[in-house]
């Protein structure tokens, strides 16, 4: 008796609809993504086992590099422009709309105020080559040459809800960190977050 041949169904699948969905999702993520601008300096933070997360909105970040340079930044682009306007009024400086726009794209910076306008006028490729000298501080926290106090005050004037986070390099020295603390304490700021790397907790450790 001859064997009966079973008719095989086609195994091909029409992927057109799935491809369309994939491209739509890709387009959506490209258009809505917010790209992080390059930091003014690379900072290697010490690690900790703290389970407390730094808020991701309304944040003022003061960073301390391994060479003792201080960098400053806030997270909102609109707040950055308002803060810059406050500084301009304080120091008698005029910034163009383009300079304000360029400043709003800087996540943090370490440029003295008297050099900021010239820095903002540089082409982007030249900005990346500039070694930023850091924001001037002093041991009193309120001296005439302390520009960190001006940025802290005027950023809070732009957004009174800013929360403060300190980010220090693992090799940063304490005297420079003390200057930052003095600047905050001079404005009655005694509460802030510390940004650290993550570290696995020891066996048996429990968060409070």
C-alpha atoms as a PDB file:
ATOM      1  CA  UNK A   1       0.000   0.000   0.000  1.00  0.00           C
ATOM      2  CA  UNK A   2       1.562   3.321  -1.014  1.00  0.00           C
ATOM      3  CA  UNK A   3       2.438   5.785   1.781  1.00  0.00           C
ATOM      4  CA  UNK A   4       0.162   8.755   2.155  1.00  0.00           C
ATOM      5  CA  UNK A   5       1.971  12.041   1.735  1.00  0.00           C
ATOM      6  CA  UNK A   6       0.923  14.718   4.201  1.00  0.00           C
ATOM      7  CA  UNK A   7       0.641  18.121   2.698  1.00  0.00           C
ATOM      8  CA  UNK A   8       2.970  20.522   4.475  1.00  0.00           C
ATOM      9  CA  UNK A   9       1.695  23.974   5.374  1.00  0.00           C
ATOM     10  CA  UNK A  10       3.877  26.961   4.575  1.00  0.00           C
ATOM     11  CA  UNK A  11       6.042  28.020   7.549  1.00  0.00           C
ATOM     12  CA  UNK A  12       6.676  31.564   6.321  1.00  0.00           C
ATOM     13  CA  UNK A  13       5.521  34.415   8.561  1.00  0.00           C
ATOM     14  CA  UNK A  14       4.764  37.915   7.359  1.00  0.00           C
ATOM     15  CA  UNK A  15       7.055  40.183   9.458  1.00  0.00           C
ATOM     16  CA  UNK A  16       5.925  43.438   7.857  1.00  0.00           C
ATOM     17  CA  UNK A  17       3.717  44.516  10.744  1.00  0.00           C
ATOM     18  CA  UNK A  18       6.341  43.654  13.369  1.00  0.00           C
ATOM     19  CA  UNK A  19       9.012  45.576  11.457  1.00  0.00           C
ATOM     20  CA  UNK A  20       6.753  48.624  11.269  1.00  0.00           C
ATOM     21  CA  UNK A  21       6.174  48.509  15.033  1.00  0.00           C
ATOM     22  CA  UNK A  22       9.920  48.181  15.698  1.00  0.00           C
ATOM     23  CA  UNK A  23      10.709  51.247  13.587  1.00  0.00           C
ATOM     24  CA  UNK A  24       7.920  53.232  15.236  1.00  0.00           C
ATOM     25  CA  UNK A  25       9.301  52.416  18.682  1.00  0.00           C
ATOM     26  CA  UNK A  26      12.848  53.264  17.604  1.00  0.00           C
ATOM     27  CA  UNK A  27      11.690  56.605  16.201  1.00  0.00           C
ATOM     28  CA  UNK A  28       9.773  57.367  19.401  1.00  0.00           C
ATOM     29  CA  UNK A  29      12.776  56.710  21.663  1.00  0.00           C
ATOM     30  CA  UNK A  30      15.121  58.743  19.437  1.00  0.00           C
ATOM     31  CA  UNK A  31      12.789  61.752  19.442  1.00  0.00           C
ATOM     32  CA  UNK A  32      12.013  61.667  23.177  1.00  0.00           C
ATOM     33  CA  UNK A  33      15.450  60.754  24.535  1.00  0.00           C
ATOM     34  CA  UNK A  34      17.387  63.414  26.422  1.00  0.00           C
ATOM     35  CA  UNK A  35      21.085  63.038  25.817  1.00  0.00           C
ATOM     36  CA  UNK A  36      23.399  63.711  28.755  1.00  0.00           C
ATOM     37  CA  UNK A  37      25.978  66.389  28.095  1.00  0.00           C
ATOM     38  CA  UNK A  38      29.623  65.711  28.820  1.00  0.00           C
ATOM     39  CA  UNK A  39      30.715  66.363  32.397  1.00  0.00           C
ATOM     40  CA  UNK A  40      33.326  69.033  33.023  1.00  0.00           C
ATOM     41  CA  UNK A  41      35.609  66.470  34.696  1.00  0.00           C
ATOM     42  CA  UNK A  42      35.812  62.753  35.304  1.00  0.00           C
ATOM     43  CA  UNK A  43      35.243  61.962  38.983  1.00  0.00           C
ATOM     44  CA  UNK A  44      35.714  58.556  40.585  1.00  0.00           C
ATOM     45  CA  UNK A  45      33.547  58.496  43.692  1.00  0.00           C
ATOM     46  CA  UNK A  46      34.224  56.262  46.709  1.00  0.00           C
ATOM     47  CA  UNK A  47      31.856  53.340  47.187  1.00  0.00           C
ATOM     48  CA  UNK A  48      29.312  52.788  49.947  1.00  0.00           C
ATOM     49  CA  UNK A  49      26.560  50.342  50.923  1.00  0.00           C
ATOM     50  CA  UNK A  50      23.906  53.010  51.447  1.00  0.00           C
ATOM     51  CA  UNK A  51      20.521  52.137  50.014  1.00  0.00           C
ATOM     52  CA  UNK A  52      19.391  55.769  49.813  1.00  0.00           C
ATOM     53  CA  UNK A  53      19.041  57.038  46.264  1.00  0.00           C
ATOM     54  CA  UNK A  54      19.811  60.620  45.279  1.00  0.00           C
ATOM     55  CA  UNK A  55      16.694  62.284  43.801  1.00  0.00           C
ATOM     56  CA  UNK A  56      16.750  62.641  40.027  1.00  0.00           C
ATOM     57  CA  UNK A  57      14.902  65.976  39.844  1.00  0.00           C
ATOM     58  CA  UNK A  58      15.543  69.457  41.260  1.00  0.00           C
ATOM     59  CA  UNK A  59      19.150  68.666  42.094  1.00  0.00           C
ATOM     60  CA  UNK A  60      22.125  70.963  42.638  1.00  0.00           C
ATOM     61  CA  UNK A  61      25.382  69.050  42.306  1.00  0.00           C
ATOM     62  CA  UNK A  62      28.695  70.306  43.663  1.00  0.00           C
ATOM     63  CA  UNK A  63      31.575  68.127  42.502  1.00  0.00           C
ATOM     64  CA  UNK A  64      35.150  68.031  43.741  1.00  0.00           C
ATOM     65  CA  UNK A  65      37.836  66.634  41.453  1.00  0.00           C
ATOM     66  CA  UNK A  66      40.937  64.773  42.538  1.00  0.00           C
ATOM     67  CA  UNK A  67      42.991  67.909  41.891  1.00  0.00           C
ATOM     68  CA  UNK A  68      40.819  69.996  44.219  1.00  0.00           C
ATOM     69  CA  UNK A  69      38.868  71.776  41.460  1.00  0.00           C
ATOM     70  CA  UNK A  70      35.222  72.519  42.179  1.00  0.00           C
ATOM     71  CA  UNK A  71      32.443  72.039  39.617  1.00  0.00           C
ATOM     72  CA  UNK A  72      28.816  73.123  39.826  1.00  0.00           C
ATOM     73  CA  UNK A  73      25.595  72.165  38.080  1.00  0.00           C
ATOM     74  CA  UNK A  74      21.812  71.989  38.347  1.00  0.00           C
ATOM     75  CA  UNK A  75      19.554  69.624  36.434  1.00  0.00           C
ATOM     76  CA  UNK A  76      16.928  71.890  34.812  1.00  0.00           C
ATOM     77  CA  UNK A  77      17.820  73.740  31.606  1.00  0.00           C
ATOM     78  CA  UNK A  78      15.323  76.521  32.327  1.00  0.00           C
ATOM     79  CA  UNK A  79      16.669  76.920  35.872  1.00  0.00           C
ATOM     80  CA  UNK A  80      20.192  77.163  34.440  1.00  0.00           C
ATOM     81  CA  UNK A  81      19.150  80.115  32.263  1.00  0.00           C
ATOM     82  CA  UNK A  82      17.401  81.833  35.180  1.00  0.00           C
ATOM     83  CA  UNK A  83      20.435  81.250  37.372  1.00  0.00           C
ATOM     84  CA  UNK A  84      22.714  82.710  34.703  1.00  0.00           C
ATOM     85  CA  UNK A  85      20.458  85.770  34.418  1.00  0.00           C
ATOM     86  CA  UNK A  86      20.751  86.219  38.198  1.00  0.00           C
ATOM     87  CA  UNK A  87      24.542  86.006  38.031  1.00  0.00           C
ATOM     88  CA  UNK A  88      24.615  88.425  35.086  1.00  0.00           C
ATOM     89  CA  UNK A  89      22.603  90.980  37.057  1.00  0.00           C
ATOM     90  CA  UNK A  90      24.841  90.511  40.093  1.00  0.00           C
ATOM     91  CA  UNK A  91      28.110  90.902  38.170  1.00  0.00           C
ATOM     92  CA  UNK A  92      26.989  93.389  35.526  1.00  0.00           C
ATOM     93  CA  UNK A  93      27.522  90.978  32.616  1.00  0.00           C
ATOM     94  CA  UNK A  94      25.350  90.613  29.518  1.00  0.00           C
ATOM     95  CA  UNK A  95      24.901  87.198  27.912  1.00  0.00           C
ATOM     96  CA  UNK A  96      23.431  86.748  24.441  1.00  0.00           C
ATOM     97  CA  UNK A  97      20.540  84.352  23.774  1.00  0.00           C
ATOM     98  CA  UNK A  98      22.968  81.927  22.126  1.00  0.00           C
ATOM     99  CA  UNK A  99      25.298  82.048  25.128  1.00  0.00           C
ATOM    100  CA  UNK A 100      22.356  81.372  27.438  1.00  0.00           C
ATOM    101  CA  UNK A 101      21.263  78.447  25.277  1.00  0.00           C
ATOM    102  CA  UNK A 102      24.773  76.983  25.277  1.00  0.00           C
ATOM    103  CA  UNK A 103      24.982  77.420  29.048  1.00  0.00           C
ATOM    104  CA  UNK A 104      21.628  75.662  29.516  1.00  0.00           C
ATOM    105  CA  UNK A 105      23.108  72.561  27.842  1.00  0.00           C
ATOM    106  CA  UNK A 106      25.993  72.306  30.328  1.00  0.00           C
ATOM    107  CA  UNK A 107      25.236  69.722  33.017  1.00  0.00           C
ATOM    108  CA  UNK A 108      28.068  71.136  35.143  1.00  0.00           C
ATOM    109  CA  UNK A 109      30.999  73.511  34.780  1.00  0.00           C
ATOM    110  CA  UNK A 110      34.124  74.779  36.508  1.00  0.00           C
ATOM    111  CA  UNK A 111      34.691  78.163  34.904  1.00  0.00           C
ATOM    112  CA  UNK A 112      35.296  81.404  36.869  1.00  0.00           C
ATOM    113  CA  UNK A 113      32.625  83.998  36.136  1.00  0.00           C
ATOM    114  CA  UNK A 114      35.045  86.421  34.435  1.00  0.00           C
ATOM    115  CA  UNK A 115      35.985  83.681  31.939  1.00  0.00           C
ATOM    116  CA  UNK A 116      32.502  82.267  31.348  1.00  0.00           C
ATOM    117  CA  UNK A 117      31.396  84.519  28.496  1.00  0.00           C
ATOM    118  CA  UNK A 118      34.584  83.852  26.512  1.00  0.00           C
ATOM    119  CA  UNK A 119      34.173  80.115  27.107  1.00  0.00           C
ATOM    120  CA  UNK A 120      30.562  80.119  25.880  1.00  0.00           C
ATOM    121  CA  UNK A 121      31.644  81.889  22.664  1.00  0.00           C
ATOM    122  CA  UNK A 122      34.041  79.068  21.752  1.00  0.00           C
ATOM    123  CA  UNK A 123      33.065  76.482  19.113  1.00  0.00           C
ATOM    124  CA  UNK A 124      31.948  73.171  20.619  1.00  0.00           C
ATOM    125  CA  UNK A 125      35.085  71.332  19.510  1.00  0.00           C
ATOM    126  CA  UNK A 126      37.286  73.895  21.273  1.00  0.00           C
ATOM    127  CA  UNK A 127      35.182  73.834  24.447  1.00  0.00           C
ATOM    128  CA  UNK A 128      35.894  70.127  24.794  1.00  0.00           C
ATOM    129  CA  UNK A 129      39.643  70.852  24.804  1.00  0.00           C
ATOM    130  CA  UNK A 130      39.512  73.482  27.547  1.00  0.00           C
ATOM    131  CA  UNK A 131      40.783  72.356  30.948  1.00  0.00           C
ATOM    132  CA  UNK A 132      38.365  74.082  33.252  1.00  0.00           C
ATOM    133  CA  UNK A 133      40.164  75.689  36.229  1.00  0.00           C
ATOM    134  CA  UNK A 134      37.344  75.135  38.703  1.00  0.00           C
ATOM    135  CA  UNK A 135      35.034  77.511  40.560  1.00  0.00           C
ATOM    136  CA  UNK A 136      36.876  79.670  43.138  1.00  0.00           C
ATOM    137  CA  UNK A 137      36.177  78.960  46.829  1.00  0.00           C
ATOM    138  CA  UNK A 138      37.751  79.993  50.108  1.00  0.00           C
ATOM    139  CA  UNK A 139      38.055  78.731  53.680  1.00  0.00           C
ATOM    140  CA  UNK A 140      35.546  81.248  55.090  1.00  0.00           C
ATOM    141  CA  UNK A 141      32.735  80.311  52.709  1.00  0.00           C
ATOM    142  CA  UNK A 142      31.740  83.940  52.235  1.00  0.00           C
ATOM    143  CA  UNK A 143      34.808  85.775  50.916  1.00  0.00           C
ATOM    144  CA  UNK A 144      34.716  88.207  48.005  1.00  0.00           C
ATOM    145  CA  UNK A 145      36.630  85.767  45.790  1.00  0.00           C
ATOM    146  CA  UNK A 146      34.349  82.830  46.616  1.00  0.00           C
ATOM    147  CA  UNK A 147      32.209  82.358  43.509  1.00  0.00           C
ATOM    148  CA  UNK A 148      30.695  79.059  44.627  1.00  0.00           C
ATOM    149  CA  UNK A 149      28.584  80.984  47.138  1.00  0.00           C
ATOM    150  CA  UNK A 150      27.192  83.106  44.279  1.00  0.00           C
ATOM    151  CA  UNK A 151      26.214  80.057  42.231  1.00  0.00           C
ATOM    152  CA  UNK A 152      24.626  78.328  45.230  1.00  0.00           C
ATOM    153  CA  UNK A 153      22.620  81.404  46.217  1.00  0.00           C
ATOM    154  CA  UNK A 154      21.453  82.280  42.703  1.00  0.00           C
ATOM    155  CA  UNK A 155      20.576  78.706  41.786  1.00  0.00           C
ATOM    156  CA  UNK A 156      18.321  78.517  44.854  1.00  0.00           C
ATOM    157  CA  UNK A 157      16.897  81.880  43.857  1.00  0.00           C
ATOM    158  CA  UNK A 158      16.024  80.331  40.495  1.00  0.00           C
ATOM    159  CA  UNK A 159      14.536  77.228  42.141  1.00  0.00           C
ATOM    160  CA  UNK A 160      14.035  77.263  45.898  1.00  0.00           C
ATOM    161  CA  UNK A 161      13.197  73.550  45.819  1.00  0.00           C
ATOM    162  CA  UNK A 162      16.691  72.441  44.793  1.00  0.00           C
ATOM    163  CA  UNK A 163      18.187  69.618  46.836  1.00  0.00           C
ATOM    164  CA  UNK A 164      21.945  69.536  47.215  1.00  0.00           C
ATOM    165  CA  UNK A 165      24.245  66.636  46.384  1.00  0.00           C
ATOM    166  CA  UNK A 166      28.000  66.572  46.916  1.00  0.00           C
ATOM    167  CA  UNK A 167      30.153  64.412  44.666  1.00  0.00           C
ATOM    168  CA  UNK A 168      33.801  64.038  45.577  1.00  0.00           C
ATOM    169  CA  UNK A 169      36.593  62.148  43.863  1.00  0.00           C
ATOM    170  CA  UNK A 170      38.097  59.284  45.822  1.00  0.00           C
ATOM    171  CA  UNK A 171      41.478  61.089  45.757  1.00  0.00           C
ATOM    172  CA  UNK A 172      40.180  64.558  46.684  1.00  0.00           C
ATOM    173  CA  UNK A 173      41.820  66.150  49.725  1.00  0.00           C
ATOM    174  CA  UNK A 174      39.848  67.234  52.790  1.00  0.00           C
ATOM    175  CA  UNK A 175      40.901  70.947  52.836  1.00  0.00           C
ATOM    176  CA  UNK A 176      39.147  71.542  49.494  1.00  0.00           C
ATOM    177  CA  UNK A 177      36.091  69.613  50.672  1.00  0.00           C
ATOM    178  CA  UNK A 178      36.102  71.731  53.837  1.00  0.00           C
ATOM    179  CA  UNK A 179      35.936  74.886  51.703  1.00  0.00           C
ATOM    180  CA  UNK A 180      32.805  73.555  50.009  1.00  0.00           C
ATOM    181  CA  UNK A 181      31.215  72.757  53.359  1.00  0.00           C
ATOM    182  CA  UNK A 182      32.113  76.231  54.654  1.00  0.00           C
ATOM    183  CA  UNK A 183      30.388  77.776  51.642  1.00  0.00           C
ATOM    184  CA  UNK A 184      27.197  75.836  52.324  1.00  0.00           C
ATOM    185  CA  UNK A 185      27.262  76.499  56.064  1.00  0.00           C
ATOM    186  CA  UNK A 186      27.719  80.231  55.432  1.00  0.00           C
ATOM    187  CA  UNK A 187      24.253  80.096  53.814  1.00  0.00           C
ATOM    188  CA  UNK A 188      22.803  77.984  56.652  1.00  0.00           C
ATOM    189  CA  UNK A 189      22.793  74.853  54.503  1.00  0.00           C
ATOM    190  CA  UNK A 190      23.558  71.831  56.664  1.00  0.00           C
ATOM    191  CA  UNK A 191      21.610  69.092  54.894  1.00  0.00           C
ATOM    192  CA  UNK A 192      22.791  67.469  51.674  1.00  0.00           C
ATOM    193  CA  UNK A 193      23.254  64.120  49.943  1.00  0.00           C
ATOM    194  CA  UNK A 194      26.578  62.453  49.204  1.00  0.00           C
ATOM    195  CA  UNK A 195      26.947  60.733  45.843  1.00  0.00           C
ATOM    196  CA  UNK A 196      28.930  57.491  46.038  1.00  0.00           C
ATOM    197  CA  UNK A 197      29.411  54.333  44.040  1.00  0.00           C
ATOM    198  CA  UNK A 198      27.535  51.180  44.981  1.00  0.00           C
ATOM    199  CA  UNK A 199      29.094  48.398  46.985  1.00  0.00           C
ATOM    200  CA  UNK A 200      27.699  45.002  47.981  1.00  0.00           C
ATOM    201  CA  UNK A 201      26.724  45.007  51.689  1.00  0.00           C
ATOM    202  CA  UNK A 202      28.392  42.519  54.022  1.00  0.00           C
ATOM    203  CA  UNK A 203      26.552  39.386  55.076  1.00  0.00           C
ATOM    204  CA  UNK A 204      23.885  40.121  57.654  1.00  0.00           C
ATOM    205  CA  UNK A 205      23.777  43.870  56.987  1.00  0.00           C
ATOM    206  CA  UNK A 206      20.354  45.482  57.049  1.00  0.00           C
ATOM    207  CA  UNK A 207      19.389  49.021  56.133  1.00  0.00           C
ATOM    208  CA  UNK A 208      17.781  51.091  58.894  1.00  0.00           C
END
